[in-house]
């Protein structure tokens, strides 16, 4: 009789442990899904900012190339004089 009580207690304990484990896994999965959505949002913002920065860098580059002053040659001429 005592064996059946021990077996019943062990089976109830295992059931409780598995139930709590499943609940934790569900909570973790929900958090992972929420974080995944946040990651998608952040990637979209990063892409938007990256495109904006690329446009600015291209503009700066064009200004630098089109500028009438050639700083590198001026420095070389100053060194020679």
PDB file of N, CA and C in Angstrom:
ATOM      1  N   UNK A   1       0.813  -1.195   0.000  1.00  0.00           N
ATOM      2  CA  UNK A   1       0.000   0.000   0.000  1.00  0.00           C
ATOM      3  C   UNK A   1       0.863   1.268   0.000  1.00  0.00           C
ATOM      4  N   UNK A   2       1.919   1.230   0.773  1.00  0.00           N
ATOM      5  CA  UNK A   2       2.807   2.394   0.844  1.00  0.00           C
ATOM      6  C   UNK A   2       3.468   2.641  -0.506  1.00  0.00           C
ATOM      7  N   UNK A   3       3.725   1.562  -1.264  1.00  0.00           N
ATOM      8  CA  UNK A   3       4.341   1.725  -2.585  1.00  0.00           C
ATOM      9  C   UNK A   3       3.436   2.556  -3.500  1.00  0.00           C
ATOM     10  N   UNK A   4       2.113   2.300  -3.437  1.00  0.00           N
ATOM     11  CA  UNK A   4       1.170   3.020  -4.292  1.00  0.00           C
ATOM     12  C   UNK A   4       1.079   4.498  -3.896  1.00  0.00           C
ATOM     13  N   UNK A   5       1.194   4.775  -2.630  1.00  0.00           N
ATOM     14  CA  UNK A   5       1.190   6.168  -2.174  1.00  0.00           C
ATOM     15  C   UNK A   5       2.434   6.887  -2.684  1.00  0.00           C
ATOM     16  N   UNK A   6       3.570   6.212  -2.599  1.00  0.00           N
ATOM     17  CA  UNK A   6       4.827   6.798  -3.086  1.00  0.00           C
ATOM     18  C   UNK A   6       4.752   7.015  -4.596  1.00  0.00           C
ATOM     19  N   UNK A   7       4.261   6.029  -5.328  1.00  0.00           N
ATOM     20  CA  UNK A   7       4.132   6.147  -6.779  1.00  0.00           C
ATOM     21  C   UNK A   7       3.159   7.277  -7.132  1.00  0.00           C
ATOM     22  N   UNK A   8       2.051   7.380  -6.432  1.00  0.00           N
ATOM     23  CA  UNK A   8       1.080   8.457  -6.673  1.00  0.00           C
ATOM     24  C   UNK A   8       1.694   9.816  -6.372  1.00  0.00           C
ATOM     25  N   UNK A   9       2.430   9.929  -5.278  1.00  0.00           N
ATOM     26  CA  UNK A   9       3.089  11.199  -4.915  1.00  0.00           C
ATOM     27  C   UNK A   9       4.117  11.606  -5.962  1.00  0.00           C
ATOM     28  N   UNK A  10       4.893  10.632  -6.427  1.00  0.00           N
ATOM     29  CA  UNK A  10       5.897  10.926  -7.456  1.00  0.00           C
ATOM     30  C   UNK A  10       5.227  11.375  -8.755  1.00  0.00           C
ATOM     31  N   UNK A  11       4.138  10.688  -9.135  1.00  0.00           N
ATOM     32  CA  UNK A  11       3.456  11.056 -10.378  1.00  0.00           C
ATOM     33  C   UNK A  11       2.826  12.446 -10.269  1.00  0.00           C
ATOM     34  N   UNK A  12       2.257  12.788  -9.118  1.00  0.00           N
ATOM     35  CA  UNK A  12       1.699  14.129  -8.913  1.00  0.00           C
ATOM     36  C   UNK A  12       2.816  15.174  -8.954  1.00  0.00           C
ATOM     37  N   UNK A  13       3.942  14.876  -8.330  1.00  0.00           N
ATOM     38  CA  UNK A  13       5.077  15.808  -8.329  1.00  0.00           C
ATOM     39  C   UNK A  13       5.586  16.025  -9.757  1.00  0.00           C
ATOM     40  N   UNK A  14       5.694  14.973 -10.522  1.00  0.00           N
ATOM     41  CA  UNK A  14       6.150  15.086 -11.913  1.00  0.00           C
ATOM     42  C   UNK A  14       5.148  15.916 -12.723  1.00  0.00           C
ATOM     43  N   UNK A  15       3.856  15.672 -12.509  1.00  0.00           N
ATOM     44  CA  UNK A  15       2.823  16.441 -13.213  1.00  0.00           C
ATOM     45  C   UNK A  15       2.942  17.922 -12.894  1.00  0.00           C
ATOM     46  N   UNK A  16       3.139  18.266 -11.623  1.00  0.00           N
ATOM     47  CA  UNK A  16       3.258  19.663 -11.210  1.00  0.00           C
ATOM     48  C   UNK A  16       4.502  20.296 -11.832  1.00  0.00           C
ATOM     49  N   UNK A  17       5.611  19.558 -11.806  1.00  0.00           N
ATOM     50  CA  UNK A  17       6.852  20.076 -12.388  1.00  0.00           C
ATOM     51  C   UNK A  17       6.685  20.327 -13.880  1.00  0.00           C
ATOM     52  N   UNK A  18       6.084  19.389 -14.588  1.00  0.00           N
ATOM     53  CA  UNK A  18       5.875  19.554 -16.031  1.00  0.00           C
ATOM     54  C   UNK A  18       4.916  20.695 -16.333  1.00  0.00           C
ATOM     55  N   UNK A  19       3.878  20.851 -15.528  1.00  0.00           N
ATOM     56  CA  UNK A  19       2.912  21.924 -15.730  1.00  0.00           C
ATOM     57  C   UNK A  19       3.590  23.297 -15.580  1.00  0.00           C
ATOM     58  N   UNK A  20       4.398  23.444 -14.516  1.00  0.00           N
ATOM     59  CA  UNK A  20       5.110  24.698 -14.299  1.00  0.00           C
ATOM     60  C   UNK A  20       6.119  24.952 -15.421  1.00  0.00           C
ATOM     61  N   UNK A  21       6.760  23.899 -15.882  1.00  0.00           N
ATOM     62  CA  UNK A  21       7.722  24.020 -16.973  1.00  0.00           C
ATOM     63  C   UNK A  21       7.026  24.506 -18.250  1.00  0.00           C
ATOM     64  N   UNK A  22       5.863  23.937 -18.548  1.00  0.00           N
ATOM     65  CA  UNK A  22       5.114  24.354 -19.737  1.00  0.00           C
ATOM     66  C   UNK A  22       4.682  25.811 -19.642  1.00  0.00           C
ATOM     67  N   UNK A  23       4.248  26.248 -18.476  1.00  0.00           N
ATOM     68  CA  UNK A  23       3.849  27.643 -18.283  1.00  0.00           C
ATOM     69  C   UNK A  23       5.033  28.587 -18.501  1.00  0.00           C
ATOM     70  N   UNK A  24       6.195  28.215 -17.962  1.00  0.00           N
ATOM     71  CA  UNK A  24       7.387  29.042 -18.157  1.00  0.00           C
ATOM     72  C   UNK A  24       7.768  29.114 -19.627  1.00  0.00           C
ATOM     73  N   UNK A  25       7.691  27.993 -20.320  1.00  0.00           N
ATOM     74  CA  UNK A  25       8.019  27.973 -21.746  1.00  0.00           C
ATOM     75  C   UNK A  25       7.045  28.852 -22.524  1.00  0.00           C
ATOM     76  N   UNK A  26       5.762  28.813 -22.192  1.00  0.00           N
ATOM     77  CA  UNK A  26       4.778  29.669 -22.867  1.00  0.00           C
ATOM     78  C   UNK A  26       5.090  31.147 -22.631  1.00  0.00           C
ATOM     79  N   UNK A  27       5.416  31.499 -21.389  1.00  0.00           N
ATOM     80  CA  UNK A  27       5.774  32.887 -21.074  1.00  0.00           C
ATOM     81  C   UNK A  27       7.021  33.322 -21.836  1.00  0.00           C
ATOM     82  N   UNK A  28       8.010  32.448 -21.874  1.00  0.00           N
ATOM     83  CA  UNK A  28       9.235  32.776 -22.591  1.00  0.00           C
ATOM     84  C   UNK A  28       8.963  32.928 -24.089  1.00  0.00           C
ATOM     85  N   UNK A  29       8.108  32.069 -24.645  1.00  0.00           N
ATOM     86  CA  UNK A  29       7.786  32.160 -26.069  1.00  0.00           C
ATOM     87  C   UNK A  29       7.065  33.472 -26.381  1.00  0.00           C
ATOM     88  N   UNK A  30       6.174  33.893 -25.483  1.00  0.00           N
ATOM     89  CA  UNK A  30       5.487  35.169 -25.671  1.00  0.00           C
ATOM     90  C   UNK A  30       6.476  36.331 -25.652  1.00  0.00           C
ATOM     91  N   UNK A  31       7.421  36.291 -24.717  1.00  0.00           N
ATOM     92  CA  UNK A  31       8.435  37.344 -24.647  1.00  0.00           C
ATOM     93  C   UNK A  31       9.313  37.342 -25.889  1.00  0.00           C
ATOM     94  N   UNK A  32       9.656  36.160 -26.372  1.00  0.00           N
ATOM     95  CA  UNK A  32      10.467  36.055 -27.589  1.00  0.00           C
ATOM     96  C   UNK A  32       9.720  36.656 -28.770  1.00  0.00           C
ATOM     97  N   UNK A  33       8.420  36.359 -28.885  1.00  0.00           N
ATOM     98  CA  UNK A  33       7.628  36.913 -29.976  1.00  0.00           C
ATOM     99  C   UNK A  33       7.554  38.437 -29.898  1.00  0.00           C
ATOM    100  N   UNK A  34       7.360  38.974 -28.692  1.00  0.00           N
ATOM    101  CA  UNK A  34       7.313  40.428 -28.512  1.00  0.00           C
ATOM    102  C   UNK A  34       8.659  41.051 -28.900  1.00  0.00           C
ATOM    103  N   UNK A  35       9.745  40.433 -28.450  1.00  0.00           N
ATOM    104  CA  UNK A  35      11.069  40.958 -28.775  1.00  0.00           C
ATOM    105  C   UNK A  35      11.344  40.860 -30.273  1.00  0.00           C
ATOM    106  N   UNK A  36      10.871  39.804 -30.907  1.00  0.00           N
ATOM    107  CA  UNK A  36      11.061  39.656 -32.348  1.00  0.00           C
ATOM    108  C   UNK A  36      10.367  40.789 -33.097  1.00  0.00           C
ATOM    109  N   UNK A  37       9.165  41.149 -32.641  1.00  0.00           N
ATOM    110  CA  UNK A  37       8.456  42.278 -33.257  1.00  0.00           C
ATOM    111  C   UNK A  37       9.218  43.583 -33.055  1.00  0.00           C
ATOM    112  N   UNK A  38       9.772  43.771 -31.849  1.00  0.00           N
ATOM    113  CA  UNK A  38      10.565  44.969 -31.580  1.00  0.00           C
ATOM    114  C   UNK A  38      11.812  45.001 -32.455  1.00  0.00           C
ATOM    115  N   UNK A  39      12.423  43.851 -32.646  1.00  0.00           N
ATOM    116  CA  UNK A  39      13.617  43.773 -33.484  1.00  0.00           C
ATOM    117  C   UNK A  39      13.275  44.161 -34.921  1.00  0.00           C
ATOM    118  N   UNK A  40      12.131  43.690 -35.415  1.00  0.00           N
ATOM    119  CA  UNK A  40      11.707  44.067 -36.772  1.00  0.00           C
ATOM    120  C   UNK A  40      11.527  45.575 -36.887  1.00  0.00           C
ATOM    121  N   UNK A  41      10.880  46.175 -35.876  1.00  0.00           N
ATOM    122  CA  UNK A  41      10.667  47.628 -35.877  1.00  0.00           C
ATOM    123  C   UNK A  41      12.002  48.371 -35.903  1.00  0.00           C
ATOM    124  N   UNK A  42      12.935  47.920 -35.078  1.00  0.00           N
ATOM    125  CA  UNK A  42      14.233  48.579 -34.998  1.00  0.00           C
ATOM    126  C   UNK A  42      15.013  48.424 -36.304  1.00  0.00           C
ATOM    127  N   UNK A  43      14.902  47.264 -36.935  1.00  0.00           N
ATOM    128  CA  UNK A  43      15.577  47.079 -38.214  1.00  0.00           C
ATOM    129  C   UNK A  43      15.020  48.038 -39.270  1.00  0.00           C
ATOM    130  N   UNK A  44      13.715  48.244 -39.252  1.00  0.00           N
ATOM    131  CA  UNK A  44      13.115  49.187 -40.190  1.00  0.00           C
ATOM    132  C   UNK A  44      13.642  50.604 -39.938  1.00  0.00           C
ATOM    133  N   UNK A  45      13.729  50.989 -38.665  1.00  0.00           N
ATOM    134  CA  UNK A  45      14.246  52.321 -38.337  1.00  0.00           C
ATOM    135  C   UNK A  45      15.712  52.448 -38.746  1.00  0.00           C
ATOM    136  N   UNK A  46      16.478  51.406 -38.516  1.00  0.00           N
ATOM    137  CA  UNK A  46      17.900  51.427 -38.873  1.00  0.00           C
ATOM    138  C   UNK A  46      18.060  51.567 -40.378  1.00  0.00           C
ATOM    139  N   UNK A  47      17.265  50.822 -41.143  1.00  0.00           N
ATOM    140  CA  UNK A  47      17.342  50.920 -42.595  1.00  0.00           C
ATOM    141  C   UNK A  47      16.993  52.328 -43.071  1.00  0.00           C
ATOM    142  N   UNK A  48      15.963  52.907 -42.460  1.00  0.00           N
ATOM    143  CA  UNK A  48      15.550  54.262 -42.845  1.00  0.00           C
ATOM    144  C   UNK A  48      16.679  55.255 -42.549  1.00  0.00           C
ATOM    145  N   UNK A  49      17.283  55.143 -41.370  1.00  0.00           N
ATOM    146  CA  UNK A  49      18.372  56.047 -40.998  1.00  0.00           C
ATOM    147  C   UNK A  49      19.604  55.821 -41.860  1.00  0.00           C
ATOM    148  N   UNK A  50      19.866  54.573 -42.201  1.00  0.00           N
ATOM    149  CA  UNK A  50      21.028  54.267 -43.027  1.00  0.00           C
ATOM    150  C   UNK A  50      20.866  54.893 -44.405  1.00  0.00           C
ATOM    151  N   UNK A  51      19.678  54.790 -44.977  1.00  0.00           N
ATOM    152  CA  UNK A  51      19.434  55.411 -46.275  1.00  0.00           C
ATOM    153  C   UNK A  51      19.594  56.930 -46.192  1.00  0.00           C
ATOM    154  N   UNK A  52      19.104  57.503 -45.122  1.00  0.00           N
ATOM    155  CA  UNK A  52      19.227  58.950 -44.938  1.00  0.00           C
ATOM    156  C   UNK A  52      20.697  59.358 -44.811  1.00  0.00           C
ATOM    157  N   UNK A  53      21.457  58.589 -44.043  1.00  0.00           N
ATOM    158  CA  UNK A  53      22.878  58.890 -43.885  1.00  0.00           C
ATOM    159  C   UNK A  53      23.623  58.735 -45.211  1.00  0.00           C
ATOM    160  N   UNK A  54      23.278  57.710 -45.970  1.00  0.00           N
ATOM    161  CA  UNK A  54      23.911  57.523 -47.278  1.00  0.00           C
ATOM    162  C   UNK A  54      23.668  58.731 -48.176  1.00  0.00           C
ATOM    163  N   UNK A  55      22.448  59.243 -48.153  1.00  0.00           N
ATOM    164  CA  UNK A  55      22.141  60.429 -48.957  1.00  0.00           C
ATOM    165  C   UNK A  55      22.992  61.623 -48.510  1.00  0.00           C
ATOM    166  N   UNK A  56      23.132  61.797 -47.204  1.00  0.00           N
ATOM    167  CA  UNK A  56      23.935  62.905 -46.687  1.00  0.00           C
ATOM    168  C   UNK A  56      25.405  62.734 -47.066  1.00  0.00           C
ATOM    169  N   UNK A  57      25.921  61.534 -46.932  1.00  0.00           N
ATOM    170  CA  UNK A  57      27.316  61.296 -47.287  1.00  0.00           C
ATOM    171  C   UNK A  57      27.550  61.519 -48.774  1.00  0.00           C
ATOM    172  N   UNK A  58      26.606  61.097 -49.586  1.00  0.00           N
ATOM    173  CA  UNK A  58      26.731  61.329 -51.024  1.00  0.00           C
ATOM    174  C   UNK A  58      26.740  62.824 -51.330  1.00  0.00           C
ATOM    175  N   UNK A  59      25.885  63.551 -50.657  1.00  0.00           N
ATOM    176  CA  UNK A  59      25.829  64.993 -50.849  1.00  0.00           C
ATOM    177  C   UNK A  59      27.146  65.650 -50.426  1.00  0.00           C
ATOM    178  N   UNK A  60      27.664  65.260 -49.285  1.00  0.00           N
ATOM    179  CA  UNK A  60      28.937  65.800 -48.797  1.00  0.00           C
ATOM    180  C   UNK A  60      30.060  65.464 -49.773  1.00  0.00           C
ATOM    181  N   UNK A  61      30.044  64.239 -50.263  1.00  0.00           N
ATOM    182  CA  UNK A  61      31.057  63.820 -51.219  1.00  0.00           C
ATOM    183  C   UNK A  61      30.994  64.665 -52.490  1.00  0.00           C
ATOM    184  N   UNK A  62      29.787  64.909 -52.973  1.00  0.00           N
ATOM    185  CA  UNK A  62      29.632  65.741 -54.166  1.00  0.00           C
ATOM    186  C   UNK A  62      30.137  67.156 -53.905  1.00  0.00           C
ATOM    187  N   UNK A  63      29.834  67.686 -52.735  1.00  0.00           N
ATOM    188  CA  UNK A  63      30.313  69.020 -52.398  1.00  0.00           C
ATOM    189  C   UNK A  63      31.839  69.050 -52.337  1.00  0.00           C
ATOM    190  N   UNK A  64      32.408  68.028 -51.787  1.00  0.00           N
ATOM    191  CA  UNK A  64      33.856  67.958 -51.647  1.00  0.00           C
ATOM    192  C   UNK A  64      34.519  67.882 -53.018  1.00  0.00           C
ATOM    193  N   UNK A  65      33.960  67.073 -53.899  1.00  0.00           N
ATOM    194  CA  UNK A  65      34.523  66.910 -55.232  1.00  0.00           C
ATOM    195  C   UNK A  65      34.343  68.181 -56.051  1.00  0.00           C
ATOM    196  N   UNK A  66      33.215  68.829 -55.899  1.00  0.00           N
ATOM    197  CA  UNK A  66      32.931  70.007 -56.716  1.00  0.00           C
ATOM    198  C   UNK A  66      33.529  71.290 -56.143  1.00  0.00           C
ATOM    199  N   UNK A  67      34.122  71.223 -54.984  1.00  0.00           N
ATOM    200  CA  UNK A  67      34.662  72.442 -54.389  1.00  0.00           C
ATOM    201  C   UNK A  67      35.868  72.909 -55.201  1.00  0.00           C
ATOM    202  N   UNK A  68      36.008  74.195 -55.398  1.00  0.00           N
ATOM    203  CA  UNK A  68      37.108  74.716 -56.232  1.00  0.00           C
ATOM    204  C   UNK A  68      38.462  74.626 -55.540  1.00  0.00           C
ATOM    205  N   UNK A  69      38.465  74.478 -54.235  1.00  0.00           N
ATOM    206  CA  UNK A  69      39.730  74.428 -53.507  1.00  0.00           C
ATOM    207  C   UNK A  69      40.222  72.994 -53.417  1.00  0.00           C
ATOM    208  N   UNK A  70      41.441  72.826 -53.760  1.00  0.00           N
ATOM    209  CA  UNK A  70      42.034  71.501 -53.656  1.00  0.00           C
ATOM    210  C   UNK A  70      43.012  71.554 -52.487  1.00  0.00           C
ATOM    211  N   UNK A  71      42.570  71.126 -51.345  1.00  0.00           N
ATOM    212  CA  UNK A  71      43.330  71.276 -50.117  1.00  0.00           C
ATOM    213  C   UNK A  71      44.626  70.479 -50.136  1.00  0.00           C
ATOM    214  N   UNK A  72      44.612  69.356 -50.743  1.00  0.00           N
ATOM    215  CA  UNK A  72      45.795  68.507 -50.753  1.00  0.00           C
ATOM    216  C   UNK A  72      46.929  69.200 -51.516  1.00  0.00           C
ATOM    217  N   UNK A  73      46.620  69.747 -52.665  1.00  0.00           N
ATOM    218  CA  UNK A  73      47.655  70.425 -53.450  1.00  0.00           C
ATOM    219  C   UNK A  73      48.107  71.709 -52.779  1.00  0.00           C
ATOM    220  N   UNK A  74      47.209  72.394 -52.127  1.00  0.00           N
ATOM    221  CA  UNK A  74      47.596  73.615 -51.426  1.00  0.00           C
ATOM    222  C   UNK A  74      48.589  73.308 -50.307  1.00  0.00           C
ATOM    223  N   UNK A  75      48.328  72.208 -49.593  1.00  0.00           N
ATOM    224  CA  UNK A  75      49.253  71.847 -48.517  1.00  0.00           C
ATOM    225  C   UNK A  75      50.615  71.504 -49.084  1.00  0.00           C
ATOM    226  N   UNK A  76      50.643  70.816 -50.207  1.00  0.00           N
ATOM    227  CA  UNK A  76      51.927  70.460 -50.828  1.00  0.00           C
ATOM    228  C   UNK A  76      52.667  71.707 -51.294  1.00  0.00           C
ATOM    229  N   UNK A  77      51.932  72.652 -51.852  1.00  0.00           N
ATOM    230  CA  UNK A  77      52.563  73.897 -52.315  1.00  0.00           C
ATOM    231  C   UNK A  77      53.113  74.692 -51.139  1.00  0.00           C
ATOM    232  N   UNK A  78      52.403  74.691 -50.022  1.00  0.00           N
ATOM    233  CA  UNK A  78      52.856  75.403 -48.839  1.00  0.00           C
ATOM    234  C   UNK A  78      54.135  74.762 -48.297  1.00  0.00           C
ATOM    235  N   UNK A  79      54.221  73.472 -48.350  1.00  0.00           N
ATOM    236  CA  UNK A  79      55.411  72.777 -47.872  1.00  0.00           C
ATOM    237  C   UNK A  79      56.607  73.096 -48.751  1.00  0.00           C
ATOM    238  N   UNK A  80      56.371  73.190 -50.055  1.00  0.00           N
ATOM    239  CA  UNK A  80      57.457  73.497 -50.970  1.00  0.00           C
ATOM    240  C   UNK A  80      57.984  74.915 -50.767  1.00  0.00           C
ATOM    241  N   UNK A  81      57.089  75.840 -50.457  1.00  0.00           N
ATOM    242  CA  UNK A  81      57.505  77.243 -50.277  1.00  0.00           C
ATOM    243  C   UNK A  81      58.047  77.409 -48.913  1.00  0.00           C
TER     244      UNK A  81
END
